N, C-alpha and C. Protein backbone atom coordinates (compact mmCIF):
# COMPACT_ATOMS: atom_id res chain seq x y z
N MET A 1 0.84 -1.16 0.00
CA MET A 1 0.00 0.00 0.00
C MET A 1 0.89 1.24 0.00
N VAL A 2 0.48 2.21 -0.76
CA VAL A 2 1.21 3.47 -0.85
C VAL A 2 0.25 4.59 -0.49
N VAL A 3 0.70 5.47 0.38
CA VAL A 3 -0.09 6.64 0.74
C VAL A 3 0.57 7.82 0.04
N LEU A 4 -0.23 8.54 -0.72
CA LEU A 4 0.30 9.64 -1.51
C LEU A 4 -0.41 10.92 -1.10
N GLU A 5 0.38 11.90 -0.69
CA GLU A 5 -0.16 13.21 -0.39
C GLU A 5 0.20 14.14 -1.52
N GLY A 6 -0.70 14.99 -1.84
CA GLY A 6 -0.41 15.95 -2.89
C GLY A 6 -1.66 16.29 -3.67
N PRO A 7 -1.48 16.99 -4.76
CA PRO A 7 -2.61 17.40 -5.57
C PRO A 7 -3.36 16.20 -6.15
N ALA A 8 -4.62 16.39 -6.39
CA ALA A 8 -5.45 15.33 -6.96
C ALA A 8 -4.93 14.89 -8.33
N SER A 9 -4.32 15.81 -9.07
CA SER A 9 -3.81 15.45 -10.39
C SER A 9 -2.71 14.40 -10.29
N VAL A 10 -1.87 14.50 -9.27
CA VAL A 10 -0.79 13.52 -9.08
C VAL A 10 -1.38 12.18 -8.64
N ALA A 11 -2.35 12.23 -7.74
CA ALA A 11 -2.98 10.99 -7.27
C ALA A 11 -3.70 10.27 -8.40
N ALA A 12 -4.35 11.02 -9.27
CA ALA A 12 -5.07 10.40 -10.39
C ALA A 12 -4.10 9.71 -11.35
N VAL A 13 -2.99 10.35 -11.63
CA VAL A 13 -2.01 9.73 -12.53
C VAL A 13 -1.34 8.54 -11.85
N ALA A 14 -1.10 8.63 -10.56
CA ALA A 14 -0.52 7.51 -9.82
C ALA A 14 -1.44 6.30 -9.88
N GLU A 15 -2.73 6.53 -9.80
CA GLU A 15 -3.70 5.43 -9.90
C GLU A 15 -3.65 4.81 -11.30
N ARG A 16 -3.49 5.63 -12.32
CA ARG A 16 -3.38 5.11 -13.68
C ARG A 16 -2.12 4.27 -13.84
N VAL A 17 -1.03 4.68 -13.20
CA VAL A 17 0.21 3.89 -13.24
C VAL A 17 -0.03 2.53 -12.58
N ALA A 18 -0.68 2.54 -11.43
CA ALA A 18 -0.95 1.28 -10.73
C ALA A 18 -1.81 0.36 -11.57
N ASN A 19 -2.82 0.91 -12.23
CA ASN A 19 -3.71 0.09 -13.06
C ASN A 19 -2.98 -0.47 -14.28
N ALA A 20 -2.19 0.36 -14.94
CA ALA A 20 -1.45 -0.11 -16.12
C ALA A 20 -0.42 -1.16 -15.73
N SER A 21 0.22 -0.97 -14.58
CA SER A 21 1.21 -1.93 -14.10
C SER A 21 0.54 -3.27 -13.77
N ALA A 22 -0.61 -3.21 -13.12
CA ALA A 22 -1.33 -4.44 -12.78
C ALA A 22 -1.77 -5.17 -14.04
N ASP A 23 -2.22 -4.42 -15.05
CA ASP A 23 -2.65 -5.02 -16.30
C ASP A 23 -1.50 -5.75 -16.99
N LEU A 24 -0.35 -5.08 -17.06
CA LEU A 24 0.83 -5.69 -17.67
C LEU A 24 1.28 -6.91 -16.88
N SER A 25 1.26 -6.81 -15.58
CA SER A 25 1.67 -7.93 -14.72
C SER A 25 0.76 -9.13 -14.92
N TYR A 26 -0.54 -8.89 -15.03
CA TYR A 26 -1.51 -9.96 -15.24
C TYR A 26 -1.19 -10.72 -16.53
N VAL A 27 -0.93 -9.99 -17.60
CA VAL A 27 -0.64 -10.62 -18.88
C VAL A 27 0.67 -11.40 -18.81
N MET A 28 1.67 -10.82 -18.17
CA MET A 28 2.96 -11.49 -18.08
C MET A 28 2.88 -12.77 -17.25
N ARG A 29 2.10 -12.73 -16.16
CA ARG A 29 1.91 -13.96 -15.37
C ARG A 29 1.22 -15.03 -16.21
N GLY A 30 0.21 -14.62 -16.97
CA GLY A 30 -0.48 -15.56 -17.85
C GLY A 30 0.45 -16.16 -18.89
N MET A 31 1.33 -15.33 -19.43
CA MET A 31 2.29 -15.82 -20.41
C MET A 31 3.21 -16.87 -19.79
N ALA A 32 3.67 -16.59 -18.58
CA ALA A 32 4.56 -17.53 -17.90
C ALA A 32 3.84 -18.85 -17.62
N GLU A 33 2.61 -18.76 -17.15
CA GLU A 33 1.83 -19.97 -16.87
C GLU A 33 1.59 -20.77 -18.15
N ASP A 34 1.22 -20.06 -19.23
CA ASP A 34 0.98 -20.74 -20.50
C ASP A 34 2.25 -21.39 -21.03
N ALA A 35 3.38 -20.71 -20.88
CA ALA A 35 4.64 -21.27 -21.36
C ALA A 35 4.99 -22.54 -20.60
N ARG A 36 4.79 -22.51 -19.29
CA ARG A 36 5.07 -23.72 -18.49
C ARG A 36 4.16 -24.88 -18.89
N ALA A 37 2.90 -24.55 -19.24
CA ALA A 37 1.95 -25.59 -19.60
C ALA A 37 2.02 -25.96 -21.09
N GLY A 38 2.80 -25.21 -21.88
CA GLY A 38 2.88 -25.47 -23.31
C GLY A 38 1.62 -25.07 -24.04
N ASP A 39 0.84 -24.17 -23.47
CA ASP A 39 -0.43 -23.73 -24.05
C ASP A 39 -0.20 -22.51 -24.95
N THR A 40 -0.65 -22.60 -26.20
CA THR A 40 -0.50 -21.48 -27.13
C THR A 40 -1.84 -20.85 -27.50
N ALA A 41 -2.91 -21.20 -26.80
CA ALA A 41 -4.25 -20.73 -27.15
C ALA A 41 -4.40 -19.22 -27.01
N ARG A 42 -3.67 -18.61 -26.06
CA ARG A 42 -3.82 -17.16 -25.85
C ARG A 42 -2.69 -16.36 -26.48
N LYS A 43 -2.12 -16.90 -27.55
CA LYS A 43 -0.98 -16.25 -28.20
C LYS A 43 -1.33 -14.85 -28.72
N ALA A 44 -2.52 -14.67 -29.26
CA ALA A 44 -2.92 -13.36 -29.78
C ALA A 44 -3.02 -12.34 -28.64
N GLU A 45 -3.55 -12.77 -27.51
CA GLU A 45 -3.64 -11.88 -26.35
C GLU A 45 -2.24 -11.48 -25.90
N HIS A 46 -1.34 -12.41 -25.92
CA HIS A 46 0.03 -12.13 -25.50
C HIS A 46 0.73 -11.20 -26.48
N ALA A 47 0.33 -11.24 -27.74
CA ALA A 47 0.93 -10.36 -28.74
C ALA A 47 0.64 -8.90 -28.43
N ALA A 48 -0.41 -8.63 -27.68
CA ALA A 48 -0.77 -7.26 -27.30
C ALA A 48 0.09 -6.74 -26.15
N LEU A 49 1.05 -7.53 -25.72
CA LEU A 49 1.91 -7.14 -24.60
C LEU A 49 2.64 -5.83 -24.89
N ALA A 50 3.12 -5.66 -26.09
CA ALA A 50 3.86 -4.45 -26.44
C ALA A 50 3.00 -3.21 -26.24
N GLU A 51 1.72 -3.30 -26.56
CA GLU A 51 0.82 -2.16 -26.35
C GLU A 51 0.65 -1.86 -24.87
N ARG A 52 0.56 -2.90 -24.05
CA ARG A 52 0.44 -2.69 -22.60
C ARG A 52 1.72 -2.07 -22.03
N GLU A 53 2.86 -2.51 -22.55
CA GLU A 53 4.13 -1.92 -22.11
C GLU A 53 4.19 -0.45 -22.48
N ARG A 54 3.74 -0.11 -23.67
CA ARG A 54 3.74 1.28 -24.12
C ARG A 54 2.79 2.11 -23.26
N THR A 55 1.63 1.55 -22.93
CA THR A 55 0.67 2.26 -22.07
C THR A 55 1.29 2.55 -20.71
N LEU A 56 1.95 1.56 -20.13
CA LEU A 56 2.60 1.76 -18.83
C LEU A 56 3.67 2.84 -18.94
N TYR A 57 4.47 2.78 -19.98
CA TYR A 57 5.52 3.79 -20.18
C TYR A 57 4.91 5.19 -20.24
N GLU A 58 3.82 5.34 -20.98
CA GLU A 58 3.18 6.64 -21.13
C GLU A 58 2.61 7.17 -19.82
N VAL A 59 1.96 6.30 -19.03
CA VAL A 59 1.38 6.79 -17.78
C VAL A 59 2.46 7.09 -16.74
N VAL A 60 3.56 6.36 -16.78
CA VAL A 60 4.68 6.69 -15.89
C VAL A 60 5.25 8.05 -16.29
N ARG A 61 5.34 8.29 -17.57
CA ARG A 61 5.82 9.59 -18.06
C ARG A 61 4.88 10.71 -17.59
N GLU A 62 3.57 10.49 -17.69
CA GLU A 62 2.60 11.48 -17.22
C GLU A 62 2.73 11.71 -15.72
N PHE A 63 2.97 10.63 -14.97
CA PHE A 63 3.14 10.76 -13.53
C PHE A 63 4.35 11.63 -13.21
N ARG A 64 5.43 11.38 -13.90
CA ARG A 64 6.65 12.18 -13.66
C ARG A 64 6.40 13.66 -13.95
N LEU A 65 5.70 13.95 -15.04
CA LEU A 65 5.39 15.33 -15.36
C LEU A 65 4.48 15.98 -14.32
N ALA A 66 3.47 15.24 -13.88
CA ALA A 66 2.55 15.76 -12.86
C ALA A 66 3.27 15.98 -11.54
N ALA A 67 4.13 15.04 -11.17
CA ALA A 67 4.88 15.18 -9.91
C ALA A 67 5.85 16.35 -10.00
N ARG A 68 6.51 16.49 -11.14
CA ARG A 68 7.45 17.60 -11.32
C ARG A 68 6.71 18.93 -11.22
N ALA A 69 5.53 19.02 -11.80
CA ALA A 69 4.74 20.24 -11.74
C ALA A 69 4.32 20.54 -10.31
N ALA A 70 3.92 19.49 -9.57
CA ALA A 70 3.50 19.69 -8.17
C ALA A 70 4.68 20.12 -7.31
N ILE A 71 5.84 19.53 -7.53
CA ILE A 71 7.02 19.91 -6.75
C ILE A 71 7.42 21.33 -7.08
N GLY A 72 7.34 21.70 -8.34
CA GLY A 72 7.68 23.05 -8.74
C GLY A 72 6.76 24.09 -8.11
N GLN A 73 5.49 23.73 -7.92
CA GLN A 73 4.53 24.64 -7.29
C GLN A 73 4.75 24.73 -5.79
N ALA A 74 5.30 23.67 -5.20
CA ALA A 74 5.48 23.64 -3.75
C ALA A 74 6.75 24.39 -3.33
N VAL A 75 7.68 24.55 -4.25
CA VAL A 75 8.95 25.19 -3.92
C VAL A 75 8.85 26.68 -3.97
């Protein structure tokens, strides 16, 4: 659990980071389980991994910008 104090804009972006990270983690766990089982049925779903990685990268970037703006306003 993380407690975040600050502007609502930072908290909203932090929540988006957590959601994107959880989504990517879910897919990666599924890929690992499928690989161990030799199951290729969800191969198309796994192909979308790059898009999930890009989404996570973008929301982390937004979080950094929002945090930088909040820190700049606090100083």
